[in-house]
Every structure is written in C-alpha cells, then in structure tokens.
C-alpha cells in the first residue's frame, strides 16, 4: 500500500478508536508499515503478539471474508487490527465487540448498541448484553474469524466469556477461528478458589481459579480440549502465539483494555479489589484512580485518611458507588500486591465493618459469582485468617495446574 493510501486510511479511522491518531502518529504511520513496529509487548521489547504473524500467514486468509472480534486494544504497534488487515489487502465483512464496545469507552455493565463503521460500512455487532455470540445470519457473512483482545488474567474479566461464546458459535457454524494471542499481565499468578458449577455466570463460566495464569490462547485450547463448549471437535482453532514470551515477564499494557484499568497498578490490584464490587466499598470508580484505592465513609473517622469524592465519569462510571460523597480511602497507587490475591485487604475491611456492627458484603449473590464460590464469603464471616483461606485453595490449584499443563504454550 502506498504512503498516501495509508495516510488516507488512518485519517478516515482517526475518529473511530478510543486511542486517537495524532498528527505525529499519522505522519509516522504514513511512512511505516504496521509490521515494522513490533515493539508492542513485554518490557524487554523482545516479545511479539500473535498479530505480528499475520503477514506470514496472509496467503491462508486471502479471498476469505473475515469477521473480527476486536476493541481498542487490538493493536500491532501503531496500527489497529483493522489497519493491519487493510495493509495486507484482506477483506473484513463483520466486526464483533465485547463489553465496553469497539472504542472501549462504554461503562462496565452498560449495554452496547450495534453500529456501523461510518467509513467502510462494515457492520459492528455487540456481543455484550442480550446477544453474547454471533448469530447464524451474521456468520453467514464470514469464512473465518479473527479474535484479538487484551485480557488481564482474571476469571471474571468478561473477555474470556466472550471468547467462550464466540468459540461455541464458530463450532456450530463450522467456521475456523484464529486467536491472535497477547500476554497476560497477571500471568505469574495461580491463585484463588476454583469456580464451582453452581456459581457459573457471564463473570465466570469455567472451573478455573480466580487467577489462572494463562493467556487467552492457552485458555482457548483448554476450552476446546476439555470440551467446555458443545461440539468442540468441530471447531478448527488456530492460535498465533506470542513470540519470545514468558508468563513471568513484567508487562505494561500499551492501551487500557477497559475504561477503569488505565495502568499497571490498576491491572495488578484488579483481581483483589474487584471483589469489593459485591460490597459497599468503593474501588475508585468515578475517581482518577480506579482500582487503585478502596474507600468508604467509615475511613473519614481517621483524620489522616486520604479523602476522595467519586463523581459521574462518562465512559467509565456513570453512577459510581458513593457518587458525590467524600470517602476515606486506602491508597494502592504506589505498591504492587505481594500475592496475586491480597486476602489481607479483604480481612481488614471485614474486621473494620464487624467492629461497627455493619455489613460489608451487601450483595452476597454477586460477591459469590465473582469469587466462584460461597466458601470465601463464609470464611470471612468465620474470621479465618489469611493462611487458612489460602490453604483451602491449594488442593484445587494443584489439580488445576495438572489439568492446564497440556495447553500451556509459554514457559
């Protein structure tokens, strides 16, 4: 593709994505192929995401009608995957998006309407809300699906559930699925309770730990291999792996995967703090530090407490807990968790509420769905200590480690 054509394409797409294309980026992109800037991954710049292999595999995609499962995180260097496909001269007929939408700017839990790319005319279908999987009519326009989303390695992060439903739809329609793999920024951790079947929901579909230590590519192989979707043998699944990747490498996401995970701190604390979504404690939605604090008016009793006020934040938190109310907060902006799940944080808050005769977990059904079990809530109520709670997970974690072993792609 000529430099002028690339420039025009990027100008057309500039208003579509959550990460805007600046003038400098447009000039750089006009002179640079999507495949000449592979420094999208781990901190030593040696790892390359699965999308970087598309140029070598383009002959297999030529002439096929492609459906993309993407959002704002689906990037190769300075290019969105739509740019990558255009540079390769391939055809996109349908785009599917997960929670938070194509631009990644919809509030958590907010319904995302179907739309259409105003420039190319390609329809964009939401897979969050009433429709969780591509339907037969949509897939009739597709010969092959490409799935490229940045995950954060936590069972209740819904991009994994979207993967499950896309795999099921692809198996039913006998359409091949290529998964373009990306690092798990919490990949070093295997921690937490396994999901029990009776607590299965869209925030947890599989019998895996809260922190599973796998990439979406590895999980796709496991979903197919373990028969967690029906008719799994009918699915042709190809994972384009991350080159030169280790799951223990530190990794900063080049693009926020969702509105309330803006940086490394938020991603690292998300597995622990997200369980407070089932309580009266704020996790910083509606502030400048989502998932980097835990706050409640109770902490205002401590005059040294950090005081914040959650407010309506379009695209991130329309109605955050304690909206327009000053709360005292614990600050997690500078330290990283010592464990994958900081049980000590949950215990400290439970003790604080119990001392005041107050109920911490005011949405027990949702708390249990996030935890994948009601055992954790009961352990907190019984005032078990952190060592006891962690010990209760060990047998399940050991069993899962053996079960996942055949599907691991990275050391």
Protein backbone atom coordinates (compact mmCIF):
# COMPACT_ATOMS: atom_id res chain seq x y z
CA UNK A 1 0.00 0.00 0.00
CA UNK A 2 1.39 3.43 -0.95
CA UNK A 3 2.20 6.01 1.71
CA UNK A 4 -0.65 8.26 0.53
CA UNK A 5 -3.20 5.44 0.73
CA UNK A 6 -2.06 4.58 4.22
CA UNK A 7 -2.35 8.24 5.24
CA UNK A 8 -5.90 8.48 3.90
CA UNK A 9 -6.91 5.25 5.65
CA UNK A 10 -5.60 6.46 9.00
CA UNK A 11 -7.34 9.81 8.63
CA UNK A 12 -10.63 8.02 8.00
CA UNK A 13 -10.18 5.82 11.03
CA UNK A 14 -8.98 8.55 13.37
CA UNK A 15 -12.40 9.17 14.89
CA UNK A 16 -13.27 5.51 15.35
CA UNK A 17 -10.94 4.26 18.06
CA UNK A 18 -10.60 5.11 21.75
CA UNK A 19 -6.91 5.91 21.20
CA UNK A 20 -6.95 8.87 18.78
CA UNK A 21 -4.49 9.12 15.90
CA UNK A 22 -2.44 12.28 16.37
CA UNK A 23 -0.80 14.23 13.56
CA UNK A 24 2.61 12.86 14.51
CA UNK A 25 1.30 9.31 14.53
CA UNK A 26 -0.33 9.83 11.14
CA UNK A 27 2.97 11.03 9.67
CA UNK A 28 4.80 8.09 11.22
CA UNK A 29 2.21 5.57 10.03
CA UNK A 30 2.29 7.00 6.50
CA UNK A 31 5.97 6.12 6.28
CA UNK A 32 5.93 2.93 8.30
CA UNK A 33 4.31 -0.44 7.81
CA UNK A 34 2.21 -1.93 10.60
CA UNK A 35 4.75 -4.75 10.66
CA UNK A 36 7.82 -2.56 11.08
CA UNK A 37 6.90 -1.50 14.64
CA UNK A 38 6.51 -4.77 16.57
CA UNK A 39 7.50 -3.36 19.99
CA UNK A 40 4.05 -3.90 21.40
CA UNK A 41 4.78 -6.34 24.17
CA UNK A 42 6.89 -7.15 27.19
CA UNK A 43 9.27 -4.70 28.79
CA UNK A 44 12.40 -6.07 27.11
CA UNK A 45 10.75 -5.42 23.70
CA UNK A 46 11.57 -8.95 22.51
CA UNK A 47 8.09 -10.47 22.71
CA UNK A 48 5.75 -10.05 19.74
CA UNK A 49 1.99 -10.51 19.83
CA UNK A 50 0.22 -13.06 17.68
CA UNK A 51 -0.98 -10.41 15.23
CA UNK A 52 2.64 -9.86 14.16
CA UNK A 53 2.47 -13.23 12.35
CA UNK A 54 -0.40 -12.28 10.05
CA UNK A 55 1.89 -11.13 7.25
CA UNK A 56 3.48 -14.58 7.08
CA UNK A 57 0.02 -16.20 7.11
CA UNK A 58 -1.78 -13.82 4.74
CA UNK A 59 -1.92 -16.33 1.87
CA UNK A 60 -4.20 -18.50 4.02
CA UNK A 61 -6.54 -15.55 4.53
CA UNK A 62 -6.60 -14.16 1.00
CA UNK A 63 -10.02 -14.33 -0.63
CA UNK A 64 -11.77 -15.08 2.67
CA UNK A 65 -14.46 -12.94 4.26
CA UNK A 66 -13.08 -12.12 7.70
CA UNK A 67 -15.00 -11.45 10.89
CA UNK A 68 -13.05 -9.63 13.61
CA UNK A 69 -13.62 -9.81 17.37
CA UNK A 70 -11.79 -6.66 18.46
CA UNK A 71 -11.79 -3.48 20.51
CA UNK A 72 -9.40 -0.59 21.11
CA UNK A 73 -6.72 -2.95 22.49
CA UNK A 74 -6.45 -4.90 19.22
CA UNK A 75 -3.28 -3.23 18.01
CA UNK A 76 0.05 -4.07 16.41
CA UNK A 77 2.42 -1.25 17.26
CA UNK A 78 0.85 1.97 16.00
CA UNK A 79 -1.83 0.13 13.98
CA UNK A 80 -5.27 -1.14 14.91
CA UNK A 81 -6.04 -4.64 13.61
CA UNK A 82 -8.37 -3.06 11.04
CA UNK A 83 -5.33 -1.18 9.68
CA UNK A 84 -3.30 -4.39 9.68
CA UNK A 85 -5.94 -6.23 7.67
CA UNK A 86 -6.18 -3.32 5.22
CA UNK A 87 -2.40 -3.25 4.74
CA UNK A 88 -2.48 -6.94 3.89
CA UNK A 89 -5.19 -6.37 1.29
CA UNK A 90 -7.68 -8.65 3.07
CA UNK A 91 -11.44 -8.26 3.38
CA UNK A 92 -13.34 -7.57 6.62
CA UNK A 93 -17.10 -8.13 6.40
CA UNK A 94 -18.18 -8.05 10.06
CA UNK A 95 -16.81 -6.67 13.34
CA UNK A 96 -17.85 -8.01 16.76
CA UNK A 97 -17.07 -6.25 20.04
CA UNK A 98 -17.07 -7.33 23.73
CA UNK A 99 -18.08 -5.45 26.88
CA UNK A 100 -17.12 -1.73 26.69
CA UNK A 101 -17.61 -1.72 22.91
CA UNK A 102 -15.44 -1.15 19.84
CA UNK A 103 -13.92 2.02 21.23
CA UNK A 104 -13.57 0.63 24.77
CA UNK A 105 -15.39 3.62 26.26
CA UNK A 106 -18.68 2.11 27.50
CA UNK A 107 -19.23 1.87 31.25
CA UNK A 108 -18.91 -1.53 32.95
CA UNK A 109 -22.16 -3.44 32.56
CA UNK A 110 -23.59 -0.92 30.10
CA UNK A 111 -25.42 -2.27 27.06
CA UNK A 112 -23.59 -1.52 23.83
CA UNK A 113 -25.69 -0.96 20.72
CA UNK A 114 -24.89 -2.37 17.30
CA UNK A 115 -23.48 0.18 14.89
CA UNK A 116 -21.72 0.52 11.57
CA UNK A 117 -18.31 1.82 10.63
CA UNK A 118 -19.29 5.11 9.00
CA UNK A 119 -16.37 4.98 6.56
CA UNK A 120 -16.19 1.37 5.39
CA UNK A 121 -19.82 0.50 6.04
CA UNK A 122 -18.78 -2.67 7.89
CA UNK A 123 -21.42 -3.58 10.49
CA UNK A 124 -20.31 -3.68 14.14
CA UNK A 125 -22.22 -6.08 16.39
CA UNK A 126 -22.09 -6.03 20.19
CA UNK A 127 -21.52 -9.33 21.99
CA UNK A 128 -22.37 -7.82 25.37
CA UNK A 129 -25.97 -7.63 26.51
CA UNK A 130 -28.83 -9.66 25.08
CA UNK A 131 -26.60 -11.18 22.38
CA UNK A 132 -23.47 -12.87 23.64
CA UNK A 133 -22.48 -14.79 20.49
CA UNK A 134 -22.54 -14.13 16.74
CA UNK A 135 -25.77 -15.47 15.27
CA UNK A 136 -26.19 -17.59 12.15
CA UNK A 137 -27.16 -14.64 9.93
CA UNK A 138 -24.08 -12.68 10.97
CA UNK A 139 -21.80 -15.66 10.48
CA UNK A 140 -23.24 -16.27 7.03
CA UNK A 141 -21.10 -13.28 6.00
CA UNK A 142 -17.92 -14.84 7.42
CA UNK A 143 -15.49 -17.52 6.22
CA UNK A 144 -13.02 -17.15 9.12
CA UNK A 145 -12.99 -15.37 12.50
CA UNK A 146 -10.02 -13.50 13.95
CA UNK A 147 -10.14 -12.94 17.73
CA UNK A 148 -7.75 -10.35 19.17
CA UNK A 149 -8.50 -8.92 22.64
CA UNK A 150 -6.21 -7.93 25.51
CA UNK A 151 -7.12 -9.91 28.63
CA UNK A 152 -5.96 -9.29 32.23
CA UNK A 153 -5.82 -12.87 33.50
CA UNK A 154 -8.76 -12.76 35.93
CA UNK A 155 -11.60 -15.27 35.62
CA UNK A 156 -14.34 -12.68 35.95
CA UNK A 157 -12.97 -10.35 33.26
CA UNK A 158 -15.66 -10.85 30.63
CA UNK A 159 -13.47 -11.02 27.51
CA UNK A 160 -12.89 -14.67 28.43
CA UNK A 161 -16.63 -15.31 28.46
CA UNK A 162 -16.92 -13.59 25.07
CA UNK A 163 -14.21 -15.94 23.79
CA UNK A 164 -16.22 -18.92 25.05
CA UNK A 165 -19.39 -17.86 23.22
CA UNK A 166 -17.51 -16.97 20.02
CA UNK A 167 -15.87 -20.41 20.07
CA UNK A 168 -19.26 -22.06 20.52
CA UNK A 169 -20.75 -20.10 17.61
CA UNK A 170 -17.76 -20.92 15.40
CA UNK A 171 -18.05 -24.63 16.25
CA UNK A 172 -21.77 -24.63 15.47
CA UNK A 173 -21.22 -22.86 12.13
CA UNK A 174 -18.05 -24.86 11.33
CA UNK A 175 -16.13 -21.62 10.80
CA UNK A 176 -12.39 -21.62 11.65
CA UNK A 177 -11.28 -19.36 14.49
CA UNK A 178 -7.83 -17.83 14.67
CA UNK A 179 -6.88 -16.42 18.07
CA UNK A 180 -4.15 -13.78 17.98
CA UNK A 181 -2.60 -14.20 21.39
CA UNK A 182 -1.48 -11.49 23.81
CA UNK A 183 0.39 -11.57 27.16
CA UNK A 184 -1.37 -11.98 30.47
CA UNK A 185 -0.18 -9.08 32.67
CA UNK A 186 -1.05 -11.19 35.74
CA UNK A 187 0.42 -14.34 34.19
CA UNK A 188 2.82 -15.11 37.03
CA UNK A 189 -0.03 -15.82 39.47
CA UNK A 190 -2.03 -19.01 40.02
CA UNK A 191 -4.26 -18.10 42.93
CA UNK A 192 -7.74 -18.17 44.41
CA UNK A 193 -10.67 -20.58 44.57
CA UNK A 194 -11.82 -22.64 41.60
CA UNK A 195 -15.25 -21.79 40.27
CA UNK A 196 -17.94 -24.22 41.42
CA UNK A 197 -20.53 -25.12 38.75
CA UNK A 198 -23.50 -23.69 40.65
CA UNK A 199 -21.90 -20.23 40.54
CA UNK A 200 -21.34 -20.22 36.78
CA UNK A 201 -22.33 -16.94 35.07
CA UNK A 202 -21.07 -14.48 32.47
CA UNK A 203 -18.49 -13.34 35.06
CA UNK A 204 -17.23 -16.92 35.38
CA UNK A 205 -18.02 -19.84 33.08
CA UNK A 206 -15.20 -22.31 33.62
CA UNK A 207 -13.85 -24.42 36.53
CA UNK A 208 -10.65 -22.38 36.79
CA UNK A 209 -9.08 -20.32 39.60
CA UNK A 210 -9.77 -16.63 40.01
CA UNK A 211 -6.19 -16.06 38.78
CA UNK A 212 -5.47 -18.79 36.22
CA UNK A 213 -2.05 -17.68 34.91
CA UNK A 214 -2.94 -18.38 31.26
CA UNK A 215 -3.25 -16.33 28.09
CA UNK A 216 -6.48 -16.31 26.10
CA UNK A 217 -4.74 -18.50 23.51
CA UNK A 218 -3.96 -21.13 26.11
CA UNK A 219 -7.47 -20.88 27.53
CA UNK A 220 -8.99 -21.31 24.06
CA UNK A 221 -7.01 -24.52 23.65
CA UNK A 222 -8.24 -25.66 27.08
CA UNK A 223 -11.89 -24.77 26.36
CA UNK A 224 -11.74 -26.86 23.18
CA UNK A 225 -9.62 -29.67 24.63
CA UNK A 226 -11.71 -30.08 27.77
CA UNK A 227 -14.99 -29.98 25.85
CA UNK A 228 -16.27 -26.91 27.70
CA UNK A 229 -18.19 -25.99 24.55
CA UNK A 230 -20.51 -28.47 22.83
CA UNK A 231 -19.40 -29.95 19.51
CA UNK A 232 -15.85 -28.81 20.32
CA UNK A 233 -14.26 -31.25 17.88
CA UNK A 234 -15.98 -29.44 15.01
CA UNK A 235 -14.06 -26.24 15.79
CA UNK A 236 -10.90 -25.56 13.80
CA UNK A 237 -8.88 -23.47 16.25
CA UNK A 238 -5.53 -21.89 15.37
CA UNK A 239 -3.61 -19.90 17.97
CA UNK A 240 -0.99 -17.48 16.66
CA UNK A 241 1.28 -17.43 19.74
CA UNK A 242 3.31 -14.63 21.23
CA UNK A 243 6.95 -14.95 20.17
CA UNK A 244 9.69 -14.80 22.81
CA UNK A 245 7.26 -14.58 25.72
CA UNK A 246 7.48 -15.77 29.30
CA UNK A 247 4.47 -15.52 31.58
CA UNK A 248 6.60 -14.06 34.39
CA UNK A 249 7.77 -11.08 32.32
CA UNK A 250 6.60 -7.71 33.62
CA UNK A 251 4.19 -6.25 31.09
CA UNK A 252 2.63 -2.80 30.74
CA UNK A 253 -0.43 -2.71 28.52
CA UNK A 254 0.10 -0.33 25.58
CA UNK A 255 -3.64 0.50 25.56
CA UNK A 256 -6.06 0.30 28.53
CA UNK A 257 -8.14 -2.87 27.99
CA UNK A 258 -11.21 -1.23 29.56
CA UNK A 259 -12.05 2.24 30.94
CA UNK A 260 -11.25 1.52 34.59
CA UNK A 261 -7.92 -0.26 34.11
CA UNK A 262 -5.70 2.61 33.00
CA UNK A 263 -2.28 1.41 34.16
CA UNK A 264 -0.16 -1.37 35.68
CA UNK A 265 -1.29 -0.61 39.22
CA UNK A 266 -4.96 -0.96 38.37
CA UNK A 267 -4.39 -4.21 36.44
CA UNK A 268 -2.36 -5.68 39.30
CA UNK A 269 -4.89 -4.75 42.00
CA UNK A 270 -7.98 -5.58 39.94
CA UNK A 271 -8.19 -9.29 40.97
CA UNK A 272 -8.24 -8.34 44.67
CA UNK A 273 -10.26 -5.14 44.60
CA UNK A 274 -12.92 -6.24 42.11
CA UNK A 275 -14.47 -8.46 44.80
CA UNK A 276 -15.43 -5.24 46.59
CA UNK A 277 -17.97 -4.73 43.78
CA UNK A 278 -20.13 -7.06 45.90
CA UNK A 279 -19.75 -4.80 48.95
CA UNK A 280 -20.35 -1.19 49.99
CA UNK A 281 -16.66 -0.32 49.49
CA UNK A 282 -15.66 1.89 46.55
CA UNK A 283 -12.83 0.68 44.31
CA UNK A 284 -12.27 4.13 42.88
CA UNK A 285 -14.77 4.16 40.02
CA UNK A 286 -15.59 7.77 39.32
CA UNK A 287 -12.19 8.98 40.52
CA UNK A 288 -8.87 9.43 38.72
CA UNK A 289 -7.61 6.20 40.34
CA UNK A 290 -9.98 3.30 39.56
CA UNK A 291 -8.83 0.00 41.09
CA UNK A 292 -6.02 1.83 42.86
CA UNK A 293 -7.91 2.55 46.08
CA UNK A 294 -10.52 1.11 48.42
CA UNK A 295 -12.71 3.65 50.14
CA UNK A 296 -15.74 4.20 52.36
CA UNK A 297 -17.10 6.98 54.60
CA UNK A 298 -16.03 4.87 57.61
CA UNK A 299 -12.43 5.85 56.96
CA UNK A 300 -13.27 9.53 57.42
CA UNK A 301 -13.10 8.82 61.16
CA UNK A 302 -9.33 8.72 60.67
CA UNK A 303 -8.25 12.33 60.22
CA UNK A 304 -5.13 11.18 58.35
CA UNK A 305 -7.20 9.32 55.75
CA UNK A 306 -6.90 10.16 52.06
CA UNK A 307 -10.22 11.76 51.04
CA UNK A 308 -11.68 11.35 47.55
CA UNK A 309 -15.10 12.04 46.05
CA UNK A 310 -16.39 9.74 43.27
CA UNK A 311 -18.26 11.60 40.54
CA UNK A 312 -20.09 10.69 37.36
CA UNK A 313 -17.46 9.97 34.71
CA UNK A 314 -18.86 9.41 31.19
CA UNK A 315 -17.37 6.34 29.56
CA UNK A 316 -16.07 4.97 32.86
CA UNK A 317 -18.55 5.38 35.73
CA UNK A 318 -21.99 6.86 35.20
CA UNK A 319 -23.26 6.04 38.70
CA UNK A 320 -20.28 5.04 40.86
CA UNK A 321 -20.70 3.92 44.48
CA UNK A 322 -20.73 6.92 46.86
CA UNK A 323 -21.21 9.33 43.96
CA UNK A 324 -20.70 12.95 45.03
CA UNK A 325 -19.90 11.77 48.58
CA UNK A 326 -16.49 12.27 50.24
CA UNK A 327 -14.99 8.96 51.37
CA UNK A 328 -11.80 7.98 53.13
CA UNK A 329 -9.56 5.72 51.06
CA UNK A 330 -6.67 3.30 51.31
CA UNK A 331 -4.06 4.13 48.68
CA UNK A 332 -2.67 1.41 46.37
CA UNK A 333 -1.16 3.70 43.75
CA UNK A 334 2.48 3.05 44.57
CA UNK A 335 2.77 -0.54 45.86
CA UNK A 336 2.15 -3.73 43.93
CA UNK A 337 0.41 -6.74 45.51
CA UNK A 338 2.70 -9.21 47.28
CA UNK A 339 0.36 -12.04 46.27
CA UNK A 340 -1.97 -12.45 43.33
CA UNK A 341 -4.90 -12.04 45.71
CA UNK A 342 -4.36 -9.90 48.78
CA UNK A 343 -6.58 -11.76 51.25
CA UNK A 344 -5.31 -9.44 53.97
CA UNK A 345 -7.13 -6.50 52.36
CA UNK A 346 -10.49 -8.31 52.46
CA UNK A 347 -9.92 -9.38 56.08
CA UNK A 348 -9.02 -5.85 57.22
CA UNK A 349 -12.19 -4.40 55.73
CA UNK A 350 -14.35 -7.21 57.12
CA UNK A 351 -12.91 -6.62 60.60
CA UNK A 352 -13.48 -2.86 60.30
CA UNK A 353 -17.15 -3.33 59.41
CA UNK A 354 -17.75 -6.01 62.03
CA UNK A 355 -16.39 -3.73 64.75
CA UNK A 356 -19.07 -1.19 63.82
CA UNK A 357 -21.83 -3.79 63.58
CA UNK A 358 -22.15 -3.13 59.85
CA UNK A 359 -22.47 -5.49 56.88
CA UNK A 360 -19.60 -5.36 54.40
CA UNK A 361 -20.94 -7.75 51.73
CA UNK A 362 -24.30 -6.22 50.88
CA UNK A 363 -24.60 -8.05 47.52
CA UNK A 364 -23.75 -11.61 48.56
CA UNK A 365 -25.05 -13.28 45.38
CA UNK A 366 -22.82 -11.10 43.19
CA UNK A 367 -19.86 -11.48 45.56
CA UNK A 368 -20.22 -15.27 45.29
CA UNK A 369 -20.40 -15.11 41.49
CA UNK A 370 -17.16 -13.13 41.39
CA UNK A 371 -15.48 -15.46 43.86
CA UNK A 372 -16.91 -18.50 42.04
CA UNK A 373 -17.98 -19.99 45.36
CA UNK A 374 -19.78 -19.08 48.59
CA UNK A 375 -16.94 -20.55 50.64
CA UNK A 376 -14.86 -17.36 50.62
CA UNK A 377 -17.72 -15.26 51.99
CA UNK A 378 -18.27 -17.85 54.72
CA UNK A 379 -14.56 -17.88 55.56
CA UNK A 380 -14.62 -14.11 56.00
CA UNK A 381 -17.68 -14.35 58.22
CA UNK A 382 -15.93 -17.04 60.28
CA UNK A 383 -12.91 -14.73 60.65
CA UNK A 384 -10.50 -17.30 59.28
CA UNK A 385 -7.03 -15.85 58.84
CA UNK A 386 -5.21 -15.34 55.53
CA UNK A 387 -3.15 -18.51 55.87
CA UNK A 388 -6.25 -20.62 56.46
CA UNK A 389 -8.05 -19.15 53.48
CA UNK A 390 -5.08 -19.61 51.18
CA UNK A 391 -4.58 -23.17 52.39
CA UNK A 392 -8.16 -24.03 51.44
CA UNK A 393 -7.31 -23.25 47.80
CA UNK A 394 -4.18 -25.36 47.48
CA UNK A 395 -5.70 -28.72 46.54
CA UNK A 396 -7.82 -27.13 43.82
CA UNK A 397 -4.88 -25.11 42.49
CA UNK A 398 -2.66 -28.18 42.32
CA UNK A 399 -5.33 -30.11 40.46
CA UNK A 400 -5.89 -27.26 38.02
CA UNK A 401 -2.13 -26.87 37.42
CA UNK A 402 -2.02 -30.50 36.23
CA UNK A 403 -5.17 -30.10 34.14
CA UNK A 404 -3.93 -26.98 32.34
CA UNK A 405 -0.42 -28.34 31.64
CA UNK A 406 -1.17 -29.83 28.16
CA UNK A 407 -2.46 -26.48 26.93
CA UNK A 408 0.38 -24.19 28.02
CA UNK A 409 2.31 -22.51 25.20
CA UNK A 410 4.82 -20.47 27.20
CA UNK A 411 7.33 -21.10 29.99
